[in-house]
Amino acid sequence: MKEKVQKVLDTIRPALQADGGDVELVDVENGVVKVRLTGACGGCPMATMTLKNGIERTLKAKIPEVKEVQAV
């Protein structure tokens, strides 16, 4: 499942990079995806919205086994 998640993150990455940020996959365990937001995304006040409304929503839509996305 980690490979599937990485492929979806690779499709999201250009949008984050356009704003000076990025996302790094840390782990996938029991349907919980752990990511690290880096660059401008790391300290952005909108990072939680990006994580939940962007990354989590996209991952859940493309990979039904994903239950939650957490920032670490």
C-alpha atoms as a PDB file:
ATOM      1  CA  MET A   1       0.000   0.000   0.000  1.00  0.00           C
ATOM      2  CA  LYS A   2       2.952   2.325   0.620  1.00  0.00           C
ATOM      3  CA  GLU A   3       3.742   2.310  -3.116  1.00  0.00           C
ATOM      4  CA  LYS A   4       0.146   3.261  -3.979  1.00  0.00           C
ATOM      5  CA  VAL A   5       0.237   6.137  -1.495  1.00  0.00           C
ATOM      6  CA  GLN A   6       3.573   7.351  -2.887  1.00  0.00           C
ATOM      7  CA  LYS A   7       2.162   7.376  -6.433  1.00  0.00           C
ATOM      8  CA  VAL A   8      -0.816   9.500  -5.350  1.00  0.00           C
ATOM      9  CA  LEU A   9       1.449  11.864  -3.401  1.00  0.00           C
ATOM     10  CA  ASP A  10       3.555  12.243  -6.544  1.00  0.00           C
ATOM     11  CA  THR A  11       0.451  13.587  -8.338  1.00  0.00           C
ATOM     12  CA  ILE A  12      -0.205  16.100  -5.516  1.00  0.00           C
ATOM     13  CA  ARG A  13       3.422  17.200  -5.147  1.00  0.00           C
ATOM     14  CA  PRO A  14       3.565  19.685  -8.102  1.00  0.00           C
ATOM     15  CA  ALA A  15       0.799  21.828  -6.547  1.00  0.00           C
ATOM     16  CA  LEU A  16       2.651  21.968  -3.234  1.00  0.00           C
ATOM     17  CA  GLN A  17       5.972  22.700  -4.935  1.00  0.00           C
ATOM     18  CA  ALA A  18       4.373  25.570  -6.850  1.00  0.00           C
ATOM     19  CA  ASP A  19       3.836  27.261  -3.468  1.00  0.00           C
ATOM     20  CA  GLY A  20       7.351  26.461  -2.228  1.00  0.00           C
ATOM     21  CA  GLY A  21       6.471  23.376  -0.205  1.00  0.00           C
ATOM     22  CA  ASP A  22       6.498  19.614  -0.508  1.00  0.00           C
ATOM     23  CA  VAL A  23       5.199  16.447   1.128  1.00  0.00           C
ATOM     24  CA  GLU A  24       7.276  13.485   2.275  1.00  0.00           C
ATOM     25  CA  LEU A  25       5.819  10.039   3.016  1.00  0.00           C
ATOM     26  CA  VAL A  26       6.993   8.837   6.417  1.00  0.00           C
ATOM     27  CA  ASP A  27       4.956   5.662   7.000  1.00  0.00           C
ATOM     28  CA  VAL A  28       1.732   3.811   6.274  1.00  0.00           C
ATOM     29  CA  GLU A  29       0.332   1.699   9.084  1.00  0.00           C
ATOM     30  CA  ASN A  30      -3.165   0.191   9.452  1.00  0.00           C
ATOM     31  CA  GLY A  31      -4.676   2.638   6.980  1.00  0.00           C
ATOM     32  CA  VAL A  32      -3.053   5.664   8.636  1.00  0.00           C
ATOM     33  CA  VAL A  33      -0.722   7.598   6.351  1.00  0.00           C
ATOM     34  CA  LYS A  34       1.970   9.641   8.084  1.00  0.00           C
ATOM     35  CA  VAL A  35       3.484  12.497   6.117  1.00  0.00           C
ATOM     36  CA  ARG A  36       5.828  15.393   6.740  1.00  0.00           C
ATOM     37  CA  LEU A  37       5.078  18.731   5.128  1.00  0.00           C
ATOM     38  CA  THR A  38       8.324  20.481   4.221  1.00  0.00           C
ATOM     39  CA  GLY A  39       9.471  23.804   2.830  1.00  0.00           C
ATOM     40  CA  ALA A  40       6.880  26.564   2.917  1.00  0.00           C
ATOM     41  CA  CYS A  41       4.216  24.001   3.867  1.00  0.00           C
ATOM     42  CA  GLY A  42       6.054  23.133   7.081  1.00  0.00           C
ATOM     43  CA  GLY A  43       5.276  26.411   8.807  1.00  0.00           C
ATOM     44  CA  CYS A  44       2.238  27.553   6.883  1.00  0.00           C
ATOM     45  CA  PRO A  45      -0.890  28.411   8.904  1.00  0.00           C
ATOM     46  CA  MET A  46      -2.948  26.669   6.216  1.00  0.00           C
ATOM     47  CA  ALA A  47      -0.958  23.416   6.514  1.00  0.00           C
ATOM     48  CA  THR A  48      -3.724  21.633   8.441  1.00  0.00           C
ATOM     49  CA  MET A  49      -6.258  22.496   5.750  1.00  0.00           C
ATOM     50  CA  THR A  50      -3.829  21.376   3.045  1.00  0.00           C
ATOM     51  CA  LEU A  51      -3.308  18.113   4.913  1.00  0.00           C
ATOM     52  CA  LYS A  52      -6.981  17.312   5.552  1.00  0.00           C
ATOM     53  CA  ASN A  53      -8.802  18.948   2.634  1.00  0.00           C
ATOM     54  CA  GLY A  54      -6.166  18.310  -0.003  1.00  0.00           C
ATOM     55  CA  ILE A  55      -3.894  15.382   0.743  1.00  0.00           C
ATOM     56  CA  GLU A  56      -6.224  13.265   2.902  1.00  0.00           C
ATOM     57  CA  ARG A  57      -9.250  13.779   0.658  1.00  0.00           C
ATOM     58  CA  THR A  58      -7.282  12.865  -2.469  1.00  0.00           C
ATOM     59  CA  LEU A  59      -5.713   9.780  -0.886  1.00  0.00           C
ATOM     60  CA  LYS A  60      -9.069   8.522   0.444  1.00  0.00           C
ATOM     61  CA  ALA A  61     -10.688   9.026  -2.965  1.00  0.00           C
ATOM     62  CA  LYS A  62      -7.989   7.078  -4.801  1.00  0.00           C
ATOM     63  CA  ILE A  63      -7.151   4.492  -2.118  1.00  0.00           C
ATOM     64  CA  PRO A  64     -10.227   3.414  -0.094  1.00  0.00           C
ATOM     65  CA  GLU A  65      -8.040   1.619   2.486  1.00  0.00           C
ATOM     66  CA  VAL A  66      -6.699   4.978   3.710  1.00  0.00           C
ATOM     67  CA  LYS A  67      -8.481   5.934   6.943  1.00  0.00           C
ATOM     68  CA  GLU A  68      -6.585   9.059   7.953  1.00  0.00           C
ATOM     69  CA  VAL A  69      -3.581  11.229   7.130  1.00  0.00           C
ATOM     70  CA  GLN A  70      -1.452  12.581   9.969  1.00  0.00           C
ATOM     71  CA  ALA A  71       1.388  15.085   9.965  1.00  0.00           C
ATOM     72  CA  VAL A  72       4.492  13.987  11.882  1.00  0.00           C
END
